Amino acid sequence: MPDRDPTRPNWVVPLGWVGIGAMAIVGGAAYTLGEFAFYGYEFLPYWPTIGGWMVGMTVFAAAFGTLLECIIWNGGAGRALAFASMLRNGPGALAAAGILVALAIACWAAHAQYQCVFMSTPFVGLLAFATITSLQDPILHVLRQSGRPAAAFAALLVLEAGVMFGIGEGLAIDHYRKGLEHFQKEHRTEQSISSGGGGDFHIDYARQEIVLQMTAGIGGPREIRRSVAGFVCK
């Protein structure tokens, strides 16, 4: 068997299968919460019944989040992005953490404006994703180098939750935007979010509502509506 290439770093999975499970749960849950941050948390209890595309995307998000964080944990972002590698020191890690905290506070304080930015300029989501993932690397690197792997893994989970929440919310907003364009150009009044199992989850643009029509489950058929008339971006 040939010797391992010394220039190629070992692939390390934090905490093995336990770490994989934790990252998958955090990634899938955060992504789903991000979706319903836009659609409305009143629909969240019915997520298992909605099924279909939404459940499939949650599973995919769990896998994607796990792979992404493993790459970051192994220094992939630091090697690929010069900006991230420049911050791989104590002051750089503090600066990266400060930027992420400032971004989180700004998005929380001006959430409506933040959603409108995603609505009007979809590529901003890609810029945000690149920024957040690149800033994770120096934080995790410094914590691991200082002999605090538990703190590094805890930080990884928190940062993964933030990334996947943003992806979930951003994709939900983009789905709404695409349906709105069809409504304005083709007068297509409904845009399906997910259908399958015992429910039909869709956006009604004519009435400016998000609608869940349940055909099965505890309590029998029912219909839940949430107005989005207040979601107006100028």
C-alpha atoms as a PDB file:
ATOM      1  CA  MET A   1       0.000   0.000   0.000  1.00  0.00           C
ATOM      2  CA  PRO A   2       1.504   3.393  -0.955  1.00  0.00           C
ATOM      3  CA  ASP A   3       2.291   5.871   1.785  1.00  0.00           C
ATOM      4  CA  ARG A   4      -0.150   8.699   2.358  1.00  0.00           C
ATOM      5  CA  ASP A   5       0.710  11.937   0.586  1.00  0.00           C
ATOM      6  CA  PRO A   6       2.192  14.139   3.358  1.00  0.00           C
ATOM      7  CA  THR A   7       0.836  17.263   1.665  1.00  0.00           C
ATOM      8  CA  ARG A   8      -2.705  15.943   1.951  1.00  0.00           C
ATOM      9  CA  PRO A   9      -4.258  16.481   5.421  1.00  0.00           C
ATOM     10  CA  ASN A  10      -6.044  13.707   7.305  1.00  0.00           C
ATOM     11  CA  TRP A  11      -9.848  13.843   7.122  1.00  0.00           C
ATOM     12  CA  VAL A  12     -11.205  14.167  10.652  1.00  0.00           C
ATOM     13  CA  VAL A  13     -14.876  13.846  11.571  1.00  0.00           C
ATOM     14  CA  PRO A  14     -15.560  15.604  14.900  1.00  0.00           C
ATOM     15  CA  LEU A  15     -16.746  13.075  17.528  1.00  0.00           C
ATOM     16  CA  GLY A  16     -17.215  10.379  14.892  1.00  0.00           C
ATOM     17  CA  TRP A  17     -20.747   9.082  14.404  1.00  0.00           C
ATOM     18  CA  VAL A  18     -22.008  11.083  17.376  1.00  0.00           C
ATOM     19  CA  GLY A  19     -20.756  14.259  15.729  1.00  0.00           C
ATOM     20  CA  ILE A  20     -22.286  13.298  12.398  1.00  0.00           C
ATOM     21  CA  GLY A  21     -25.639  12.710  14.097  1.00  0.00           C
ATOM     22  CA  ALA A  22     -25.467  16.030  15.941  1.00  0.00           C
ATOM     23  CA  MET A  23     -24.563  17.976  12.799  1.00  0.00           C
ATOM     24  CA  ALA A  24     -27.301  16.260  10.790  1.00  0.00           C
ATOM     25  CA  ILE A  25     -29.968  17.020  13.400  1.00  0.00           C
ATOM     26  CA  VAL A  26     -28.884  20.645  13.777  1.00  0.00           C
ATOM     27  CA  GLY A  27     -28.640  21.161  10.017  1.00  0.00           C
ATOM     28  CA  GLY A  28     -32.030  19.658   9.201  1.00  0.00           C
ATOM     29  CA  ALA A  29     -33.821  21.321  12.124  1.00  0.00           C
ATOM     30  CA  ALA A  30     -32.310  24.766  11.484  1.00  0.00           C
ATOM     31  CA  TYR A  31     -33.148  24.589   7.788  1.00  0.00           C
ATOM     32  CA  THR A  32     -36.768  23.676   8.545  1.00  0.00           C
ATOM     33  CA  LEU A  33     -37.106  26.461  11.118  1.00  0.00           C
ATOM     34  CA  GLY A  34     -35.710  28.869   8.537  1.00  0.00           C
ATOM     35  CA  GLU A  35     -38.366  27.839   6.001  1.00  0.00           C
ATOM     36  CA  PHE A  36     -41.176  28.345   8.492  1.00  0.00           C
ATOM     37  CA  ALA A  37     -39.709  31.664   9.653  1.00  0.00           C
ATOM     38  CA  PHE A  38     -41.069  32.913   6.334  1.00  0.00           C
ATOM     39  CA  TYR A  39     -44.089  30.657   5.777  1.00  0.00           C
ATOM     40  CA  GLY A  40     -45.302  30.948   9.384  1.00  0.00           C
ATOM     41  CA  TYR A  41     -44.598  28.896  12.490  1.00  0.00           C
ATOM     42  CA  GLU A  42     -48.281  28.090  12.851  1.00  0.00           C
ATOM     43  CA  PHE A  43     -47.740  25.523  10.071  1.00  0.00           C
ATOM     44  CA  LEU A  44     -44.711  23.914  11.727  1.00  0.00           C
ATOM     45  CA  PRO A  45     -46.636  21.349  13.864  1.00  0.00           C
ATOM     46  CA  TYR A  46     -48.077  19.931  10.640  1.00  0.00           C
ATOM     47  CA  TRP A  47     -44.686  19.483   8.959  1.00  0.00           C
ATOM     48  CA  PRO A  48     -44.710  15.649   9.251  1.00  0.00           C
ATOM     49  CA  THR A  49     -48.177  15.531   7.677  1.00  0.00           C
ATOM     50  CA  ILE A  50     -47.256  17.906   4.852  1.00  0.00           C
ATOM     51  CA  GLY A  51     -44.523  15.500   3.784  1.00  0.00           C
ATOM     52  CA  GLY A  52     -43.473  15.506   0.161  1.00  0.00           C
ATOM     53  CA  TRP A  53     -40.872  18.000  -1.006  1.00  0.00           C
ATOM     54  CA  MET A  54     -40.445  19.718   2.364  1.00  0.00           C
ATOM     55  CA  VAL A  55     -39.424  16.543   4.186  1.00  0.00           C
ATOM     56  CA  GLY A  56     -37.103  15.604   1.331  1.00  0.00           C
ATOM     57  CA  MET A  57     -35.409  19.002   1.473  1.00  0.00           C
ATOM     58  CA  THR A  58     -34.956  18.707   5.243  1.00  0.00           C
ATOM     59  CA  VAL A  59     -33.155  15.390   4.781  1.00  0.00           C
ATOM     60  CA  PHE A  60     -31.002  16.901   2.040  1.00  0.00           C
ATOM     61  CA  ALA A  61     -30.254  19.927   4.244  1.00  0.00           C
ATOM     62  CA  ALA A  62     -29.150  17.629   7.080  1.00  0.00           C
ATOM     63  CA  ALA A  63     -26.698  15.883   4.747  1.00  0.00           C
ATOM     64  CA  PHE A  64     -25.488  19.129   3.187  1.00  0.00           C
ATOM     65  CA  GLY A  65     -24.961  20.831   6.543  1.00  0.00           C
ATOM     66  CA  THR A  66     -23.009  17.847   7.854  1.00  0.00           C
ATOM     67  CA  LEU A  67     -20.741  17.723   4.800  1.00  0.00           C
ATOM     68  CA  LEU A  68     -20.216  21.495   4.830  1.00  0.00           C
ATOM     69  CA  GLU A  69     -19.184  21.576   8.477  1.00  0.00           C
ATOM     70  CA  CYS A  70     -16.866  18.585   8.060  1.00  0.00           C
ATOM     71  CA  ILE A  71     -15.127  20.430   5.234  1.00  0.00           C
ATOM     72  CA  ILE A  72     -14.789  23.556   7.378  1.00  0.00           C
ATOM     73  CA  TRP A  73     -13.634  21.518  10.396  1.00  0.00           C
ATOM     74  CA  ASN A  74     -10.865  20.025   8.262  1.00  0.00           C
ATOM     75  CA  GLY A  75      -9.707  23.425   7.074  1.00  0.00           C
ATOM     76  CA  GLY A  76     -11.192  23.293   3.600  1.00  0.00           C
ATOM     77  CA  ALA A  77     -12.361  26.905   3.734  1.00  0.00           C
ATOM     78  CA  GLY A  78      -8.994  28.080   5.030  1.00  0.00           C
ATOM     79  CA  ARG A  79      -7.119  26.405   2.198  1.00  0.00           C
ATOM     80  CA  ALA A  80      -9.551  27.531  -0.503  1.00  0.00           C
ATOM     81  CA  LEU A  81     -10.107  31.120   0.641  1.00  0.00           C
ATOM     82  CA  ALA A  82      -7.168  33.428   1.263  1.00  0.00           C
ATOM     83  CA  PHE A  83      -9.385  35.740   3.325  1.00  0.00           C
ATOM     84  CA  ALA A  84     -10.160  32.949   5.802  1.00  0.00           C
ATOM     85  CA  SER A  85      -6.531  31.825   6.104  1.00  0.00           C
ATOM     86  CA  MET A  86      -5.419  35.385   6.903  1.00  0.00           C
ATOM     87  CA  LEU A  87      -7.628  35.376  10.010  1.00  0.00           C
ATOM     88  CA  ARG A  88      -6.248  32.125  11.468  1.00  0.00           C
ATOM     89  CA  ASN A  89      -4.930  33.759  14.633  1.00  0.00           C
ATOM     90  CA  GLY A  90      -6.364  35.029  17.915  1.00  0.00           C
ATOM     91  CA  PRO A  91      -7.202  38.592  16.835  1.00  0.00           C
ATOM     92  CA  GLY A  92      -8.484  37.335  13.485  1.00  0.00           C
ATOM     93  CA  ALA A  93     -10.798  34.813  15.135  1.00  0.00           C
ATOM     94  CA  LEU A  94     -12.158  37.516  17.473  1.00  0.00           C
ATOM     95  CA  ALA A  95     -12.744  39.793  14.484  1.00  0.00           C
ATOM     96  CA  ALA A  96     -14.542  36.986  12.620  1.00  0.00           C
ATOM     97  CA  ALA A  97     -16.734  36.272  15.648  1.00  0.00           C
ATOM     98  CA  GLY A  98     -17.506  39.971  16.029  1.00  0.00           C
ATOM     99  CA  ILE A  99     -18.555  40.273  12.382  1.00  0.00           C
ATOM    100  CA  LEU A 100     -20.848  37.242  12.658  1.00  0.00           C
ATOM    101  CA  VAL A 101     -22.459  38.550  15.851  1.00  0.00           C
ATOM    102  CA  ALA A 102     -22.986  41.971  14.262  1.00  0.00           C
ATOM    103  CA  LEU A 103     -24.580  40.367  11.194  1.00  0.00           C
ATOM    104  CA  ALA A 104     -26.875  38.237  13.349  1.00  0.00           C
ATOM    105  CA  ILE A 105     -28.012  41.254  15.395  1.00  0.00           C
ATOM    106  CA  ALA A 106     -28.599  43.332  12.257  1.00  0.00           C
ATOM    107  CA  CYS A 107     -30.666  40.591  10.595  1.00  0.00           C
ATOM    108  CA  TRP A 108     -32.730  40.101  13.759  1.00  0.00           C
ATOM    109  CA  ALA A 109     -33.305  43.828  14.364  1.00  0.00           C
ATOM    110  CA  ALA A 110     -34.265  44.565  10.753  1.00  0.00           C
ATOM    111  CA  HIS A 111     -35.772  41.222   9.789  1.00  0.00           C
ATOM    112  CA  ALA A 112     -38.376  42.603   7.380  1.00  0.00           C
ATOM    113  CA  GLN A 113     -35.753  44.584   5.488  1.00  0.00           C
ATOM    114  CA  TYR A 114     -33.467  41.559   5.484  1.00  0.00           C
ATOM    115  CA  GLN A 115     -36.217  39.458   3.874  1.00  0.00           C
ATOM    116  CA  CYS A 116     -36.837  42.151   1.268  1.00  0.00           C
ATOM    117  CA  VAL A 117     -33.155  42.187   0.326  1.00  0.00           C
ATOM    118  CA  PHE A 118     -33.387  38.454  -0.386  1.00  0.00           C
ATOM    119  CA  MET A 119     -36.590  39.104  -2.320  1.00  0.00           C
ATOM    120  CA  SER A 120     -35.182  41.825  -4.571  1.00  0.00           C
ATOM    121  CA  THR A 121     -31.578  40.604  -4.868  1.00  0.00           C
ATOM    122  CA  PRO A 122     -31.417  36.796  -4.698  1.00  0.00           C
ATOM    123  CA  PHE A 123     -27.635  36.567  -5.236  1.00  0.00           C
ATOM    124  CA  VAL A 124     -27.122  38.302  -1.872  1.00  0.00           C
ATOM    125  CA  GLY A 125     -27.864  34.920  -0.319  1.00  0.00           C
ATOM    126  CA  LEU A 126     -24.811  33.445  -2.037  1.00  0.00           C
ATOM    127  CA  LEU A 127     -22.640  36.307  -0.788  1.00  0.00           C
ATOM    128  CA  ALA A 128     -23.936  35.818   2.750  1.00  0.00           C
ATOM    129  CA  PHE A 129     -23.295  32.081   2.551  1.00  0.00           C
ATOM    130  CA  ALA A 130     -19.710  32.601   1.330  1.00  0.00           C
ATOM    131  CA  THR A 131     -19.035  35.206   4.032  1.00  0.00           C
ATOM    132  CA  ILE A 132     -20.391  33.168   6.926  1.00  0.00           C
ATOM    133  CA  THR A 133     -18.708  29.917   5.911  1.00  0.00           C
ATOM    134  CA  SER A 134     -15.351  31.650   5.395  1.00  0.00           C
ATOM    135  CA  LEU A 135     -15.560  33.333   8.812  1.00  0.00           C
ATOM    136  CA  GLN A 136     -16.204  30.006  10.538  1.00  0.00           C
ATOM    137  CA  ASP A 137     -12.767  28.655   9.667  1.00  0.00           C
ATOM    138  CA  PRO A 138     -10.591  30.981  11.790  1.00  0.00           C
ATOM    139  CA  ILE A 139     -12.891  30.615  14.817  1.00  0.00           C
ATOM    140  CA  LEU A 140     -12.812  26.817  14.753  1.00  0.00           C
ATOM    141  CA  HIS A 141      -9.102  26.712  13.896  1.00  0.00           C
ATOM    142  CA  VAL A 142      -8.061  28.910  16.830  1.00  0.00           C
ATOM    143  CA  LEU A 143     -10.266  27.040  19.317  1.00  0.00           C
ATOM    144  CA  ARG A 144      -8.869  23.681  18.218  1.00  0.00           C
ATOM    145  CA  GLN A 145      -5.267  24.905  18.238  1.00  0.00           C
ATOM    146  CA  SER A 146      -5.725  26.247  21.761  1.00  0.00           C
ATOM    147  CA  GLY A 147      -6.757  22.788  22.989  1.00  0.00           C
ATOM    148  CA  ARG A 148     -10.494  23.389  23.281  1.00  0.00           C
ATOM    149  CA  PRO A 149     -12.074  20.909  20.856  1.00  0.00           C
ATOM    150  CA  ALA A 150     -15.367  20.770  22.798  1.00  0.00           C
ATOM    151  CA  ALA A 151     -15.776  24.544  22.543  1.00  0.00           C
ATOM    152  CA  ALA A 152     -14.846  24.346  18.858  1.00  0.00           C
ATOM    153  CA  PHE A 153     -17.495  21.712  18.193  1.00  0.00           C
ATOM    154  CA  ALA A 154     -20.125  23.704  20.124  1.00  0.00           C
ATOM    155  CA  ALA A 155     -19.235  26.769  18.031  1.00  0.00           C
ATOM    156  CA  LEU A 156     -19.478  24.638  14.883  1.00  0.00           C
ATOM    157  CA  LEU A 157     -23.034  23.573  15.756  1.00  0.00           C
ATOM    158  CA  VAL A 158     -24.114  27.149  16.509  1.00  0.00           C
ATOM    159  CA  LEU A 159     -22.607  28.417  13.264  1.00  0.00           C
ATOM    160  CA  GLU A 160     -24.107  25.526  11.291  1.00  0.00           C
ATOM    161  CA  ALA A 161     -27.528  26.378  12.726  1.00  0.00           C
ATOM    162  CA  GLY A 162     -27.146  29.981  11.586  1.00  0.00           C
ATOM    163  CA  VAL A 163     -26.055  29.000   8.066  1.00  0.00           C
ATOM    164  CA  MET A 164     -28.789  26.404   7.550  1.00  0.00           C
ATOM    165  CA  PHE A 165     -31.483  28.668   9.030  1.00  0.00           C
ATOM    166  CA  GLY A 166     -30.490  31.363   6.557  1.00  0.00           C
ATOM    167  CA  ILE A 167     -30.516  28.892   3.652  1.00  0.00           C
ATOM    168  CA  GLY A 168     -33.977  27.641   4.608  1.00  0.00           C
ATOM    169  CA  GLU A 169     -35.433  31.122   4.915  1.00  0.00           C
ATOM    170  CA  GLY A 170     -33.678  32.337   1.776  1.00  0.00           C
ATOM    171  CA  LEU A 171     -34.993  29.466  -0.348  1.00  0.00           C
ATOM    172  CA  ALA A 172     -38.525  29.987   0.993  1.00  0.00           C
ATOM    173  CA  ILE A 173     -38.376  33.676   0.060  1.00  0.00           C
ATOM    174  CA  ASP A 174     -37.007  32.812  -3.373  1.00  0.00           C
ATOM    175  CA  HIS A 175     -39.834  30.297  -3.890  1.00  0.00           C
ATOM    176  CA  TYR A 176     -42.347  33.006  -3.017  1.00  0.00           C
ATOM    177  CA  ARG A 177     -40.607  35.443  -5.402  1.00  0.00           C
ATOM    178  CA  LYS A 178     -40.735  33.028  -8.328  1.00  0.00           C
ATOM    179  CA  GLY A 179     -44.429  32.328  -7.756  1.00  0.00           C
ATOM    180  CA  LEU A 180     -45.146  36.052  -7.554  1.00  0.00           C
ATOM    181  CA  GLU A 181     -43.472  36.572 -10.929  1.00  0.00           C
ATOM    182  CA  HIS A 182     -45.686  33.868 -12.452  1.00  0.00           C
ATOM    183  CA  PHE A 183     -48.742  35.537 -10.906  1.00  0.00           C
ATOM    184  CA  GLN A 184     -47.816  38.963 -12.281  1.00  0.00           C
ATOM    185  CA  LYS A 185     -46.922  37.711 -15.775  1.00  0.00           C
ATOM    186  CA  GLU A 186     -49.176  34.687 -16.280  1.00  0.00           C
ATOM    187  CA  HIS A 187     -51.886  35.304 -13.648  1.00  0.00           C
ATOM    188  CA  ARG A 188     -51.139  31.936 -12.061  1.00  0.00           C
ATOM    189  CA  THR A 189     -52.790  32.401  -8.684  1.00  0.00           C
ATOM    190  CA  GLU A 190     -51.310  29.444  -6.793  1.00  0.00           C
ATOM    191  CA  GLN A 191     -47.769  28.240  -6.203  1.00  0.00           C
ATOM    192  CA  SER A 192     -47.325  24.854  -4.557  1.00  0.00           C
ATOM    193  CA  ILE A 193     -44.927  24.657  -1.636  1.00  0.00           C
ATOM    194  CA  SER A 194     -45.360  20.951  -0.961  1.00  0.00           C
ATOM    195  CA  SER A 195     -48.029  18.340  -1.474  1.00  0.00           C
ATOM    196  CA  GLY A 196     -48.102  14.769  -0.329  1.00  0.00           C
ATOM    197  CA  GLY A 197     -49.144  12.712   2.611  1.00  0.00           C
ATOM    198  CA  GLY A 198     -52.237  14.322   4.049  1.00  0.00           C
ATOM    199  CA  GLY A 199     -51.832  17.972   3.115  1.00  0.00           C
ATOM    200  CA  ASP A 200     -51.577  20.491   0.308  1.00  0.00           C
ATOM    201  CA  PHE A 201     -49.354  23.456   1.205  1.00  0.00           C
ATOM    202  CA  HIS A 202     -49.427  26.361  -1.242  1.00  0.00           C
ATOM    203  CA  ILE A 203     -49.357  30.143  -1.710  1.00  0.00           C
ATOM    204  CA  ASP A 204     -52.530  31.882  -2.874  1.00  0.00           C
ATOM    205  CA  TYR A 205     -51.367  35.120  -4.515  1.00  0.00           C
ATOM    206  CA  ALA A 206     -54.856  36.320  -5.370  1.00  0.00           C
ATOM    207  CA  ARG A 207     -55.832  36.339  -1.682  1.00  0.00           C
ATOM    208  CA  GLN A 208     -52.272  37.012  -0.472  1.00  0.00           C
ATOM    209  CA  GLU A 209     -52.301  33.996   1.815  1.00  0.00           C
ATOM    210  CA  ILE A 210     -50.256  30.919   2.584  1.00  0.00           C
ATOM    211  CA  VAL A 211     -52.644  27.979   2.821  1.00  0.00           C
ATOM    212  CA  LEU A 212     -52.424  24.487   4.266  1.00  0.00           C
ATOM    213  CA  GLN A 213     -55.319  22.188   3.383  1.00  0.00           C
ATOM    214  CA  MET A 214     -55.328  19.015   5.453  1.00  0.00           C
ATOM    215  CA  THR A 215     -57.135  15.989   4.090  1.00  0.00           C
ATOM    216  CA  ALA A 216     -56.105  13.563   6.829  1.00  0.00           C
ATOM    217  CA  GLY A 217     -54.692  13.393  10.314  1.00  0.00           C
ATOM    218  CA  ILE A 218     -55.961  13.909  13.835  1.00  0.00           C
ATOM    219  CA  GLY A 219     -59.127  16.014  13.817  1.00  0.00           C
ATOM    220  CA  GLY A 220     -59.975  15.240  10.201  1.00  0.00           C
ATOM    221  CA  PRO A 221     -59.903  17.683   7.266  1.00  0.00           C
ATOM    222  CA  ARG A 222     -59.041  21.286   8.066  1.00  0.00           C
ATOM    223  CA  GLU A 223     -57.678  24.432   6.481  1.00  0.00           C
ATOM    224  CA  ILE A 224     -55.158  26.869   7.921  1.00  0.00           C
ATOM    225  CA  ARG A 225     -54.465  30.245   6.340  1.00  0.00           C
ATOM    226  CA  ARG A 226     -51.904  32.936   7.040  1.00  0.00           C
ATOM    227  CA  SER A 227     -52.039  36.353   5.422  1.00  0.00           C
ATOM    228  CA  VAL A 228     -48.883  37.695   3.749  1.00  0.00           C
ATOM    229  CA  ALA A 229     -50.550  40.967   2.710  1.00  0.00           C
ATOM    230  CA  GLY A 230     -48.143  42.789   5.025  1.00  0.00           C
ATOM    231  CA  PHE A 231     -45.091  41.431   3.211  1.00  0.00           C
ATOM    232  CA  VAL A 232     -44.521  44.335   0.850  1.00  0.00           C
ATOM    233  CA  CYS A 233     -41.088  45.190  -0.478  1.00  0.00           C
ATOM    234  CA  LYS A 234     -40.533  48.522  -2.199  1.00  0.00           C
END
